[in-house]
PDB file of N, CA and C in Angstrom:
ATOM      1  N   MET A   1     102.255  60.756 126.409  1.00  0.00           N
ATOM      2  CA  MET A   1     103.193  60.707 127.492  1.00  0.00           C
ATOM      3  C   MET A   1     104.492  61.363 127.108  1.00  0.00           C
ATOM      4  N   SER A   2     105.043  62.003 128.092  1.00  0.00           N
ATOM      5  CA  SER A   2     106.319  62.650 127.795  1.00  0.00           C
ATOM      6  C   SER A   2     107.461  61.767 128.266  1.00  0.00           C
ATOM      7  N   ARG A   3     108.451  61.774 127.471  1.00  0.00           N
ATOM      8  CA  ARG A   3     109.629  60.962 127.818  1.00  0.00           C
ATOM      9  C   ARG A   3     110.619  61.846 128.557  1.00  0.00           C
ATOM     10  N   LEU A   4     111.252  61.301 129.544  1.00  0.00           N
ATOM     11  CA  LEU A   4     112.274  62.039 130.289  1.00  0.00           C
ATOM     12  C   LEU A   4     113.555  62.085 129.459  1.00  0.00           C
ATOM     13  N   PRO A   5     114.220  63.206 129.466  1.00  0.00           N
ATOM     14  CA  PRO A   5     115.476  63.299 128.718  1.00  0.00           C
ATOM     15  C   PRO A   5     116.611  62.646 129.518  1.00  0.00           C
ATOM     16  N   TRP A   6     116.703  61.313 129.395  1.00  0.00           N
ATOM     17  CA  TRP A   6     117.675  60.548 130.184  1.00  0.00           C
ATOM     18  C   TRP A   6     119.109  60.979 129.877  1.00  0.00           C
ATOM     19  N   GLY A   7     119.393  61.347 128.685  1.00  0.00           N
ATOM     20  CA  GLY A   7     120.753  61.779 128.331  1.00  0.00           C
ATOM     21  C   GLY A   7     121.168  63.024 129.102  1.00  0.00           C
ATOM     22  N   LYS A   8     120.268  63.992 129.150  1.00  0.00           N
ATOM     23  CA  LYS A   8     120.587  65.231 129.861  1.00  0.00           C
ATOM     24  C   LYS A   8     120.659  65.000 131.365  1.00  0.00           C
ATOM     25  N   LEU A   9     119.768  64.166 131.879  1.00  0.00           N
ATOM     26  CA  LEU A   9     119.809  63.853 133.310  1.00  0.00           C
ATOM     27  C   LEU A   9     121.088  63.106 133.659  1.00  0.00           C
ATOM     28  N   GLY A  10     121.515  62.219 132.782  1.00  0.00           N
ATOM     29  CA  GLY A  10     122.756  61.473 133.007  1.00  0.00           C
ATOM     30  C   GLY A  10     123.958  62.404 133.027  1.00  0.00           C
ATOM     31  N   LEU A  11     124.002  63.357 132.102  1.00  0.00           N
ATOM     32  CA  LEU A  11     125.107  64.320 132.085  1.00  0.00           C
ATOM     33  C   LEU A  11     125.115  65.173 133.350  1.00  0.00           C
ATOM     34  N   PHE A  12     123.912  65.596 133.797  1.00  0.00           N
ATOM     35  CA  PHE A  12     123.832  66.393 135.016  1.00  0.00           C
ATOM     36  C   PHE A  12     124.312  65.593 136.221  1.00  0.00           C
ATOM     37  N   ALA A  13     123.844  64.350 136.348  1.00  0.00           N
ATOM     38  CA  ALA A  13     124.253  63.500 137.470  1.00  0.00           C
ATOM     39  C   ALA A  13     125.755  63.237 137.426  1.00  0.00           C
ATOM     40  N   GLY A  14     126.293  63.002 136.227  1.00  0.00           N
ATOM     41  CA  GLY A  14     127.739  62.785 136.106  1.00  0.00           C
ATOM     42  C   GLY A  14     128.524  64.019 136.518  1.00  0.00           C
ATOM     43  N   GLY A  15     128.032  65.193 136.142  1.00  0.00           N
ATOM     44  CA  GLY A  15     128.702  66.434 136.522  1.00  0.00           C
ATOM     45  C   GLY A  15     128.695  66.655 138.018  1.00  0.00           C
ATOM     46  N   VAL A  16     127.543  66.374 138.654  1.00  0.00           N
ATOM     47  CA  VAL A  16     127.452  66.515 140.110  1.00  0.00           C
ATOM     48  C   VAL A  16     128.399  65.541 140.794  1.00  0.00           C
ATOM     49  N   LEU A  17     128.412  64.287 140.317  1.00  0.00           N
ATOM     50  CA  LEU A  17     129.296  63.273 140.901  1.00  0.00           C
ATOM     51  C   LEU A  17     130.756  63.663 140.721  1.00  0.00           C
ATOM     52  N   PHE A  18     131.100  64.090 139.529  1.00  0.00           N
ATOM     53  CA  PHE A  18     132.482  64.477 139.240  1.00  0.00           C
ATOM     54  C   PHE A  18     132.891  65.694 140.079  1.00  0.00           C
ATOM     55  N   GLY A  19     132.001  66.657 140.216  1.00  0.00           N
ATOM     56  CA  GLY A  19     132.291  67.846 141.021  1.00  0.00           C
ATOM     57  C   GLY A  19     132.488  67.500 142.481  1.00  0.00           C
ATOM     58  N   THR A  20     131.624  66.627 143.016  1.00  0.00           N
ATOM     59  CA  THR A  20     131.748  66.217 144.418  1.00  0.00           C
ATOM     60  C   THR A  20     133.035  65.447 144.643  1.00  0.00           C
ATOM     61  N   ALA A  21     133.334  64.525 143.754  1.00  0.00           N
ATOM     62  CA  ALA A  21     134.577  63.752 143.881  1.00  0.00           C
ATOM     63  C   ALA A  21     135.780  64.669 143.706  1.00  0.00           C
ATOM     64  N   GLY A  22     135.685  65.613 142.799  1.00  0.00           N
ATOM     65  CA  GLY A  22     136.788  66.543 142.567  1.00  0.00           C
ATOM     66  C   GLY A  22     137.095  67.376 143.791  1.00  0.00           C
ATOM     67  N   ILE A  23     136.062  67.850 144.464  1.00  0.00           N
ATOM     68  CA  ILE A  23     136.256  68.643 145.674  1.00  0.00           C
ATOM     69  C   ILE A  23     136.919  67.795 146.747  1.00  0.00           C
ATOM     70  N   LYS A  24     136.479  66.551 146.890  1.00  0.00           N
ATOM     71  CA  LYS A  24     137.080  65.660 147.899  1.00  0.00           C
ATOM     72  C   LYS A  24     138.547  65.402 147.562  1.00  0.00           C
ATOM     73  N   ILE A  25     138.842  65.181 146.289  1.00  0.00           N
ATOM     74  CA  ILE A  25     140.223  64.905 145.874  1.00  0.00           C
ATOM     75  C   ILE A  25     141.096  66.137 146.094  1.00  0.00           C
ATOM     76  N   LEU A  26     140.586  67.309 145.709  1.00  0.00           N
ATOM     77  CA  LEU A  26     141.367  68.534 145.835  1.00  0.00           C
ATOM     78  C   LEU A  26     141.620  68.935 147.279  1.00  0.00           C
ATOM     79  N   SER A  27     140.762  68.499 148.193  1.00  0.00           N
ATOM     80  CA  SER A  27     140.938  68.862 149.600  1.00  0.00           C
ATOM     81  C   SER A  27     141.562  67.746 150.421  1.00  0.00           C
ATOM     82  N   SER A  28     142.083  66.703 149.792  1.00  0.00           N
ATOM     83  CA  SER A  28     142.672  65.587 150.532  1.00  0.00           C
ATOM     84  C   SER A  28     144.097  65.926 150.975  1.00  0.00           C
ATOM     85  N   GLN A  29     144.619  65.115 151.892  1.00  0.00           N
ATOM     86  CA  GLN A  29     145.978  65.288 152.409  1.00  0.00           C
ATOM     87  C   GLN A  29     147.008  65.092 151.293  1.00  0.00           C
ATOM     88  N   ASP A  30     146.764  64.112 150.424  1.00  0.00           N
ATOM     89  CA  ASP A  30     147.701  63.880 149.324  1.00  0.00           C
ATOM     90  C   ASP A  30     147.768  65.095 148.405  1.00  0.00           C
ATOM     91  N   ALA A  31     146.619  65.695 148.137  1.00  0.00           N
ATOM     92  CA  ALA A  31     146.599  66.885 147.296  1.00  0.00           C
ATOM     93  C   ALA A  31     147.340  68.032 147.983  1.00  0.00           C
ATOM     94  N   LYS A  32     147.155  68.141 149.309  1.00  0.00           N
ATOM     95  CA  LYS A  32     147.835  69.189 150.055  1.00  0.00           C
ATOM     96  C   LYS A  32     149.348  69.009 149.968  1.00  0.00           C
ATOM     97  N   LYS A  33     149.816  67.780 150.077  1.00  0.00           N
ATOM     98  CA  LYS A  33     151.252  67.509 149.943  1.00  0.00           C
ATOM     99  C   LYS A  33     151.737  67.881 148.552  1.00  0.00           C
ATOM    100  N   CYS A  34     150.939  67.573 147.549  1.00  0.00           N
ATOM    101  CA  CYS A  34     151.290  67.907 146.169  1.00  0.00           C
ATOM    102  C   CYS A  34     151.374  69.420 145.991  1.00  0.00           C
ATOM    103  N   TYR A  35     150.403  70.152 146.537  1.00  0.00           N
ATOM    104  CA  TYR A  35     150.418  71.612 146.447  1.00  0.00           C
ATOM    105  C   TYR A  35     151.646  72.184 147.155  1.00  0.00           C
ATOM    106  N   THR A  36     151.951  71.607 148.321  1.00  0.00           N
ATOM    107  CA  THR A  36     153.097  72.082 149.091  1.00  0.00           C
ATOM    108  C   THR A  36     154.393  71.855 148.319  1.00  0.00           C
ATOM    109  N   ASN A  37     154.554  70.674 147.738  1.00  0.00           N
ATOM    110  CA  ASN A  37     155.770  70.377 146.970  1.00  0.00           C
ATOM    111  C   ASN A  37     155.868  71.261 145.730  1.00  0.00           C
ATOM    112  N   ALA A  38     154.751  71.505 145.077  1.00  0.00           N
ATOM    113  CA  ALA A  38     154.763  72.366 143.893  1.00  0.00           C
ATOM    114  C   ALA A  38     155.131  73.798 144.273  1.00  0.00           C
ATOM    115  N   THR A  39     154.596  74.286 145.396  1.00  0.00           N
ATOM    116  CA  THR A  39     154.923  75.630 145.860  1.00  0.00           C
ATOM    117  C   THR A  39     156.392  75.730 146.233  1.00  0.00           C
ATOM    118  N   ALA A  40     156.918  74.695 146.882  1.00  0.00           N
ATOM    119  CA  ALA A  40     158.339  74.688 147.236  1.00  0.00           C
ATOM    120  C   ALA A  40     159.211  74.713 145.979  1.00  0.00           C
ATOM    121  N   ALA A  41     158.817  73.974 144.950  1.00  0.00           N
ATOM    122  CA  ALA A  41     159.575  73.968 143.698  1.00  0.00           C
ATOM    123  C   ALA A  41     159.549  75.345 143.042  1.00  0.00           C
ATOM    124  N   VAL A  42     158.409  76.001 143.082  1.00  0.00           N
ATOM    125  CA  VAL A  42     158.308  77.343 142.510  1.00  0.00           C
ATOM    126  C   VAL A  42     159.195  78.312 143.276  1.00  0.00           C
ATOM    127  N   LEU A  43     159.226  78.206 144.592  1.00  0.00           N
ATOM    128  CA  LEU A  43     160.074  79.089 145.400  1.00  0.00           C
ATOM    129  C   LEU A  43     161.552  78.842 145.107  1.00  0.00           C
ATOM    130  N   ARG A  44     161.945  77.569 144.925  1.00  0.00           N
ATOM    131  CA  ARG A  44     163.339  77.263 144.568  1.00  0.00           C
ATOM    132  C   ARG A  44     163.678  77.850 143.208  1.00  0.00           C
ATOM    133  N   ALA A  45     162.764  77.736 142.274  1.00  0.00           N
ATOM    134  CA  ALA A  45     162.990  78.287 140.942  1.00  0.00           C
ATOM    135  C   ALA A  45     163.121  79.808 141.017  1.00  0.00           C
ATOM    136  N   LYS A  46     162.288  80.434 141.846  1.00  0.00           N
ATOM    137  CA  LYS A  46     162.363  81.886 142.014  1.00  0.00           C
ATOM    138  C   LYS A  46     163.724  82.285 142.562  1.00  0.00           C
ATOM    139  N   ASP A  47     164.222  81.555 143.568  1.00  0.00           N
ATOM    140  CA  ASP A  47     165.530  81.855 144.134  1.00  0.00           C
ATOM    141  C   ASP A  47     166.624  81.716 143.077  1.00  0.00           C
ATOM    142  N   SER A  48     166.531  80.683 142.269  1.00  0.00           N
ATOM    143  CA  SER A  48     167.517  80.469 141.212  1.00  0.00           C
ATOM    144  C   SER A  48     167.478  81.606 140.195  1.00  0.00           C
ATOM    145  N   VAL A  49     166.293  82.014 139.809  1.00  0.00           N
ATOM    146  CA  VAL A  49     166.152  83.115 138.850  1.00  0.00           C
ATOM    147  C   VAL A  49     166.702  84.407 139.450  1.00  0.00           C
ATOM    148  N   MET A  50     166.425  84.660 140.711  1.00  0.00           N
ATOM    149  CA  MET A  50     166.913  85.883 141.344  1.00  0.00           C
ATOM    150  C   MET A  50     168.436  85.892 141.435  1.00  0.00           C
ATOM    151  N   GLU A  51     169.058  84.736 141.688  1.00  0.00           N
ATOM    152  CA  GLU A  51     170.519  84.655 141.693  1.00  0.00           C
ATOM    153  C   GLU A  51     171.070  84.982 140.309  1.00  0.00           C
ATOM    154  N   THR A  52     170.431  84.463 139.275  1.00  0.00           N
ATOM    155  CA  THR A  52     170.863  84.733 137.907  1.00  0.00           C
ATOM    156  C   THR A  52     170.701  86.215 137.584  1.00  0.00           C
ATOM    157  N   VAL A  53     169.587  86.797 137.992  1.00  0.00           N
ATOM    158  CA  VAL A  53     169.352  88.223 137.749  1.00  0.00           C
ATOM    159  C   VAL A  53     170.414  89.060 138.456  1.00  0.00           C
ATOM    160  N   THR A  54     170.757  88.697 139.679  1.00  0.00           N
ATOM    161  CA  THR A  54     171.784  89.427 140.419  1.00  0.00           C
ATOM    162  C   THR A  54     173.124  89.339 139.700  1.00  0.00           C
ATOM    163  N   THR A  55     173.476  88.159 139.212  1.00  0.00           N
ATOM    164  CA  THR A  55     174.732  87.988 138.482  1.00  0.00           C
ATOM    165  C   THR A  55     174.741  88.835 137.213  1.00  0.00           C
ATOM    166  N   VAL A  56     173.631  88.830 136.486  1.00  0.00           N
ATOM    167  CA  VAL A  56     173.546  89.620 135.253  1.00  0.00           C
ATOM    168  C   VAL A  56     173.667  91.106 135.571  1.00  0.00           C
ATOM    169  N   ARG A  57     173.020  91.565 136.632  1.00  0.00           N
ATOM    170  CA  ARG A  57     173.111  92.978 137.016  1.00  0.00           C
ATOM    171  C   ARG A  57     174.547  93.359 137.355  1.00  0.00           C
ATOM    172  N   GLU A  58     175.233  92.499 138.115  1.00  0.00           N
ATOM    173  CA  GLU A  58     176.621  92.775 138.461  1.00  0.00           C
ATOM    174  C   GLU A  58     177.479  92.851 137.203  1.00  0.00           C
ATOM    175  N   ASN A  59     177.260  91.926 136.276  1.00  0.00           N
ATOM    176  CA  ASN A  59     178.023  91.950 135.027  1.00  0.00           C
ATOM    177  C   ASN A  59     177.725  93.215 134.230  1.00  0.00           C
ATOM    178  N   CYS A  60     176.474  93.632 134.204  1.00  0.00           N
ATOM    179  CA  CYS A  60     176.116  94.864 133.494  1.00  0.00           C
ATOM    180  C   CYS A  60     176.789  96.072 134.132  1.00  0.00           C
ATOM    181  N   ASP A  61     176.857  96.106 135.461  1.00  0.00           N
ATOM    182  CA  ASP A  61     177.534  97.204 136.137  1.00  0.00           C
ATOM    183  C   ASP A  61     179.018  97.226 135.780  1.00  0.00           C
ATOM    184  N   ASP A  62     179.650  96.041 135.738  1.00  0.00           N
ATOM    185  CA  ASP A  62     181.057  95.959 135.357  1.00  0.00           C
ATOM    186  C   ASP A  62     181.259  96.431 133.920  1.00  0.00           C
ATOM    187  N   ILE A  63     180.386  96.011 133.033  1.00  0.00           N
ATOM    188  CA  ILE A  63     180.493  96.410 131.628  1.00  0.00           C
ATOM    189  C   ILE A  63     180.331  97.920 131.500  1.00  0.00           C
ATOM    190  N   LEU A  64     179.380  98.483 132.218  1.00  0.00           N
ATOM    191  CA  LEU A  64     179.149  99.927 132.156  1.00  0.00           C
ATOM    192  C   LEU A  64     180.365 100.696 132.658  1.00  0.00           C
ATOM    193  N   SER A  65     180.931 100.276 133.780  1.00  0.00           N
ATOM    194  CA  SER A  65     182.098 100.995 134.304  1.00  0.00           C
ATOM    195  C   SER A  65     183.294 100.850 133.367  1.00  0.00           C
ATOM    196  N   ASP A  66     183.490  99.667 132.761  1.00  0.00           N
ATOM    197  CA  ASP A  66     184.574  99.491 131.791  1.00  0.00           C
ATOM    198  C   ASP A  66     184.359 100.373 130.570  1.00  0.00           C
ATOM    199  N   ALA A  67     183.139 100.473 130.095  1.00  0.00           N
ATOM    200  CA  ALA A  67     182.833 101.310 128.933  1.00  0.00           C
ATOM    201  C   ALA A  67     183.101 102.780 129.250  1.00  0.00           C
ATOM    202  N   LYS A  68     182.722 103.234 130.433  1.00  0.00           N
ATOM    203  CA  LYS A  68     182.989 104.615 130.820  1.00  0.00           C
ATOM    204  C   LYS A  68     184.493 104.878 130.889  1.00  0.00           C
ATOM    205  N   GLU A  69     185.230 103.902 131.400  1.00  0.00           N
ATOM    206  CA  GLU A  69     186.686 104.043 131.481  1.00  0.00           C
ATOM    207  C   GLU A  69     187.304 104.125 130.082  1.00  0.00           C
ATOM    208  N   ILE A  70     186.836 103.286 129.169  1.00  0.00           N
ATOM    209  CA  ILE A  70     187.334 103.314 127.792  1.00  0.00           C
ATOM    210  C   ILE A  70     187.047 104.668 127.156  1.00  0.00           C
ATOM    211  N   ASN A  71     185.842 105.175 127.350  1.00  0.00           N
ATOM    212  CA  ASN A  71     185.491 106.479 126.786  1.00  0.00           C
ATOM    213  C   ASN A  71     186.340 107.599 127.390  1.00  0.00           C
ATOM    214  N   ALA A  72     186.617 107.527 128.682  1.00  0.00           N
ATOM    215  CA  ALA A  72     187.454 108.537 129.326  1.00  0.00           C
ATOM    216  C   ALA A  72     188.872 108.488 128.752  1.00  0.00           C
ATOM    217  N   GLU A  73     189.393 107.284 128.524  1.00  0.00           N
ATOM    218  CA  GLU A  73     190.722 107.150 127.924  1.00  0.00           C
ATOM    219  C   GLU A  73     190.740 107.715 126.510  1.00  0.00           C
ATOM    220  N   ARG A  74     189.680 107.476 125.747  1.00  0.00           N
ATOM    221  CA  ARG A  74     189.606 108.026 124.379  1.00  0.00           C
ATOM    222  C   ARG A  74     189.573 109.543 124.398  1.00  0.00           C
ATOM    223  N   VAL A  75     188.801 110.111 125.313  1.00  0.00           N
ATOM    224  CA  VAL A  75     188.721 111.569 125.408  1.00  0.00           C
ATOM    225  C   VAL A  75     190.095 112.129 125.767  1.00  0.00           C
ATOM    226  N   ALA A  76     190.786 111.490 126.707  1.00  0.00           N
ATOM    227  CA  ALA A  76     192.121 111.951 127.100  1.00  0.00           C
ATOM    228  C   ALA A  76     193.093 111.845 125.927  1.00  0.00           C
ATOM    229  N   ALA A  77     193.028 110.745 125.176  1.00  0.00           N
ATOM    230  CA  ALA A  77     193.912 110.576 124.016  1.00  0.00           C
ATOM    231  C   ALA A  77     193.602 111.619 122.953  1.00  0.00           C
ATOM    232  N   ASP A  78     192.325 111.888 122.713  1.00  0.00           N
ATOM    233  CA  ASP A  78     191.951 112.914 121.741  1.00  0.00           C
ATOM    234  C   ASP A  78     192.435 114.289 122.198  1.00  0.00           C
ATOM    235  N   ALA A  79     192.327 114.579 123.482  1.00  0.00           N
ATOM    236  CA  ALA A  79     192.791 115.867 124.005  1.00  0.00           C
ATOM    237  C   ALA A  79     194.299 115.982 123.847  1.00  0.00           C
ATOM    238  N   GLU A  80     195.031 114.913 124.100  1.00  0.00           N
ATOM    239  CA  GLU A  80     196.489 114.925 123.913  1.00  0.00           C
ATOM    240  C   GLU A  80     196.837 115.163 122.456  1.00  0.00           C
ATOM    241  N   ALA A  81     196.082 114.553 121.542  1.00  0.00           N
ATOM    242  CA  ALA A  81     196.337 114.745 120.114  1.00  0.00           C
ATOM    243  C   ALA A  81     196.088 116.190 119.713  1.00  0.00           C
ATOM    244  N   VAL A  82     195.031 116.803 120.243  1.00  0.00           N
ATOM    245  CA  VAL A  82     194.734 118.200 119.940  1.00  0.00           C
ATOM    246  C   VAL A  82     195.845 119.094 120.474  1.00  0.00           C
ATOM    247  N   ILE A  83     196.301 118.818 121.677  1.00  0.00           N
ATOM    248  CA  ILE A  83     197.385 119.610 122.278  1.00  0.00           C
ATOM    249  C   ILE A  83     198.663 119.445 121.468  1.00  0.00           C
ATOM    250  N   ALA A  84     198.958 118.213 121.063  1.00  0.00           N
ATOM    251  CA  ALA A  84     200.165 117.964 120.268  1.00  0.00           C
ATOM    252  C   ALA A  84     200.079 118.690 118.929  1.00  0.00           C
ATOM    253  N   ASP A  85     198.922 118.644 118.288  1.00  0.00           N
ATOM    254  CA  ASP A  85     198.747 119.345 117.018  1.00  0.00           C
ATOM    255  C   ASP A  85     198.904 120.856 117.203  1.00  0.00           C
ATOM    256  N   ALA A  86     198.325 121.397 118.269  1.00  0.00           N
ATOM    257  CA  ALA A  86     198.431 122.830 118.535  1.00  0.00           C
ATOM    258  C   ALA A  86     199.875 123.219 118.811  1.00  0.00           C
ATOM    259  N   ALA A  87     200.578 122.373 119.588  1.00  0.00           N
ATOM    260  CA  ALA A  87     201.989 122.668 119.887  1.00  0.00           C
ATOM    261  C   ALA A  87     202.815 122.624 118.606  1.00  0.00           C
ATOM    262  N   GLU A  88     202.553 121.655 117.756  1.00  0.00           N
ATOM    263  CA  GLU A  88     203.273 121.547 116.485  1.00  0.00           C
ATOM    264  C   GLU A  88     203.005 122.762 115.606  1.00  0.00           C
ATOM    265  N   ALA A  89     201.776 123.225 115.584  1.00  0.00           N
ATOM    266  CA  ALA A  89     201.431 124.401 114.799  1.00  0.00           C
ATOM    267  C   ALA A  89     202.144 125.635 115.327  1.00  0.00           C
ATOM    268  N   VAL A  90     202.224 125.759 116.651  1.00  0.00           N
ATOM    269  CA  VAL A  90     202.913 126.903 117.254  1.00  0.00           C
ATOM    270  C   VAL A  90     204.393 126.854 116.908  1.00  0.00           C
ATOM    271  N   ILE A  91     204.991 125.673 116.976  1.00  0.00           N
ATOM    272  CA  ILE A  91     206.413 125.528 116.647  1.00  0.00           C
ATOM    273  C   ILE A  91     206.656 125.866 115.184  1.00  0.00           C
ATOM    274  N   GLU A  92     205.779 125.389 114.306  1.00  0.00           N
ATOM    275  CA  GLU A  92     205.931 125.693 112.878  1.00  0.00           C
ATOM    276  C   GLU A  92     205.794 127.193 112.622  1.00  0.00           C
ATOM    277  N   ASP A  93     204.819 127.832 113.282  1.00  0.00           N
ATOM    278  CA  ASP A  93     204.638 129.266 113.123  1.00  0.00           C
ATOM    279  C   ASP A  93     205.859 130.031 113.633  1.00  0.00           C
ATOM    280  N   ALA A  94     206.412 129.570 114.753  1.00  0.00           N
ATOM    281  CA  ALA A  94     207.600 130.229 115.315  1.00  0.00           C
ATOM    282  C   ALA A  94     208.786 130.054 114.374  1.00  0.00           C
ATOM    283  N   ALA A  95     208.915 128.859 113.788  1.00  0.00           N
ATOM    284  CA  ALA A  95     210.025 128.617 112.861  1.00  0.00           C
ATOM    285  C   ALA A  95     209.872 129.492 111.621  1.00  0.00           C
ATOM    286  N   GLU A  96     208.660 129.625 111.109  1.00  0.00           N
ATOM    287  CA  GLU A  96     208.418 130.476 109.944  1.00  0.00           C
ATOM    288  C   GLU A  96     208.716 131.937 110.276  1.00  0.00           C
ATOM    289  N   ALA A  97     208.316 132.333 111.470  1.00  0.00           N
ATOM    290  CA  ALA A  97     208.580 133.723 111.879  1.00  0.00           C
ATOM    291  C   ALA A  97     210.075 133.950 112.032  1.00  0.00           C
ATOM    292  N   ALA A  98     210.784 132.963 112.537  1.00  0.00           N
ATOM    293  CA  ALA A  98     212.232 133.101 112.706  1.00  0.00           C
ATOM    294  C   ALA A  98     212.911 133.147 111.349  1.00  0.00           C
ATOM    295  N   ASP A  99     212.412 132.418 110.384  1.00  0.00           N
ATOM    296  CA  ASP A  99     212.998 132.437 109.048  1.00  0.00           C
ATOM    297  C   ASP A  99     212.778 133.794 108.383  1.00  0.00           C
ATOM    298  N   GLU A 100     211.648 134.410 108.642  1.00  0.00           N
ATOM    299  CA  GLU A 100     211.353 135.710 108.045  1.00  0.00           C
ATOM    300  C   GLU A 100     212.229 136.801 108.646  1.00  0.00           C
ATOM    301  N   ILE A 101     212.542 136.648 109.879  1.00  0.00           N
ATOM    302  CA  ILE A 101     213.387 137.646 110.540  1.00  0.00           C
ATOM    303  C   ILE A 101     214.814 137.120 110.506  1.00  0.00           C
ATOM    304  N   LYS A 102     215.535 137.456 109.451  1.00  0.00           N
ATOM    305  CA  LYS A 102     216.924 137.038 109.328  1.00  0.00           C
ATOM    306  C   LYS A 102     217.776 138.245 109.682  1.00  0.00           C
ATOM    307  N   PRO A 103     218.798 137.982 110.402  1.00  0.00           N
ATOM    308  CA  PRO A 103     219.657 139.106 110.754  1.00  0.00           C
ATOM    309  C   PRO A 103     220.338 139.678 109.489  1.00  0.00           C
ATOM    310  N   THR A 104     220.372 140.927 109.398  1.00  0.00           N
ATOM    311  CA  THR A 104     221.013 141.571 108.238  1.00  0.00           C
ATOM    312  C   THR A 104     222.471 141.833 108.555  1.00  0.00           C
ATOM    313  N   GLU A 105     223.279 141.675 107.598  1.00  0.00           N
ATOM    314  CA  GLU A 105     224.720 141.849 107.807  1.00  0.00           C
ATOM    315  C   GLU A 105     225.181 143.152 107.338  1.00  0.00           C
TER     316      GLU A 105
END
């Protein structure tokens, strides 16, 4: 005589029962309310994250414009220094030329 594998049959029956009960639980009104509340929480979190992202973007734009302004000021200061150095060199050259050309008496 062959013996029935009661252990395997028990596991199969338990799985079927658990699956059927699971489907009923997942499709109940309480589960629907839970899904709705969880979705609402996710949407609130998304809105919060998007507000933070917008703030960070605005701050990055401000930082970028300030950095460009600083660089423009540095370029202008460097250009002024070059002009001042060139003017000083011209004045020195003119003074040297004037010293070389002394009026003769």
